[in-house]
């Protein structure tokens, strides 16, 4: 089991949608359009839920807590996947972090 304490402070960040991103929910998925980079990104059901919670101004900790409640997966897996997606979205310029 991975040690989540080393990255626990990472969950204290708040993330926000970039103003240059348009998005549309399509069923259980969300499609993002980066206007600055003219790129499309697709998010699966879990990614779409994360995107929705980001839009509500949630901290990563509250997003993590919601995902643990809503999805049938090990907390360690949810933690790793959440941080990986947030890092990917930030590198693509789709979100900003505090």
Foldseek 3Di string as FASTA:
>chain_A
DDDCVVCPVVQQKAKAFFPQWDWDDDPLKIWIARNVVRDIDIDGNLRVQLNVVSHVRDGSNVNLVVCVVVDPDDSVVSVVVSVVVVVVCVVVVGMDMD
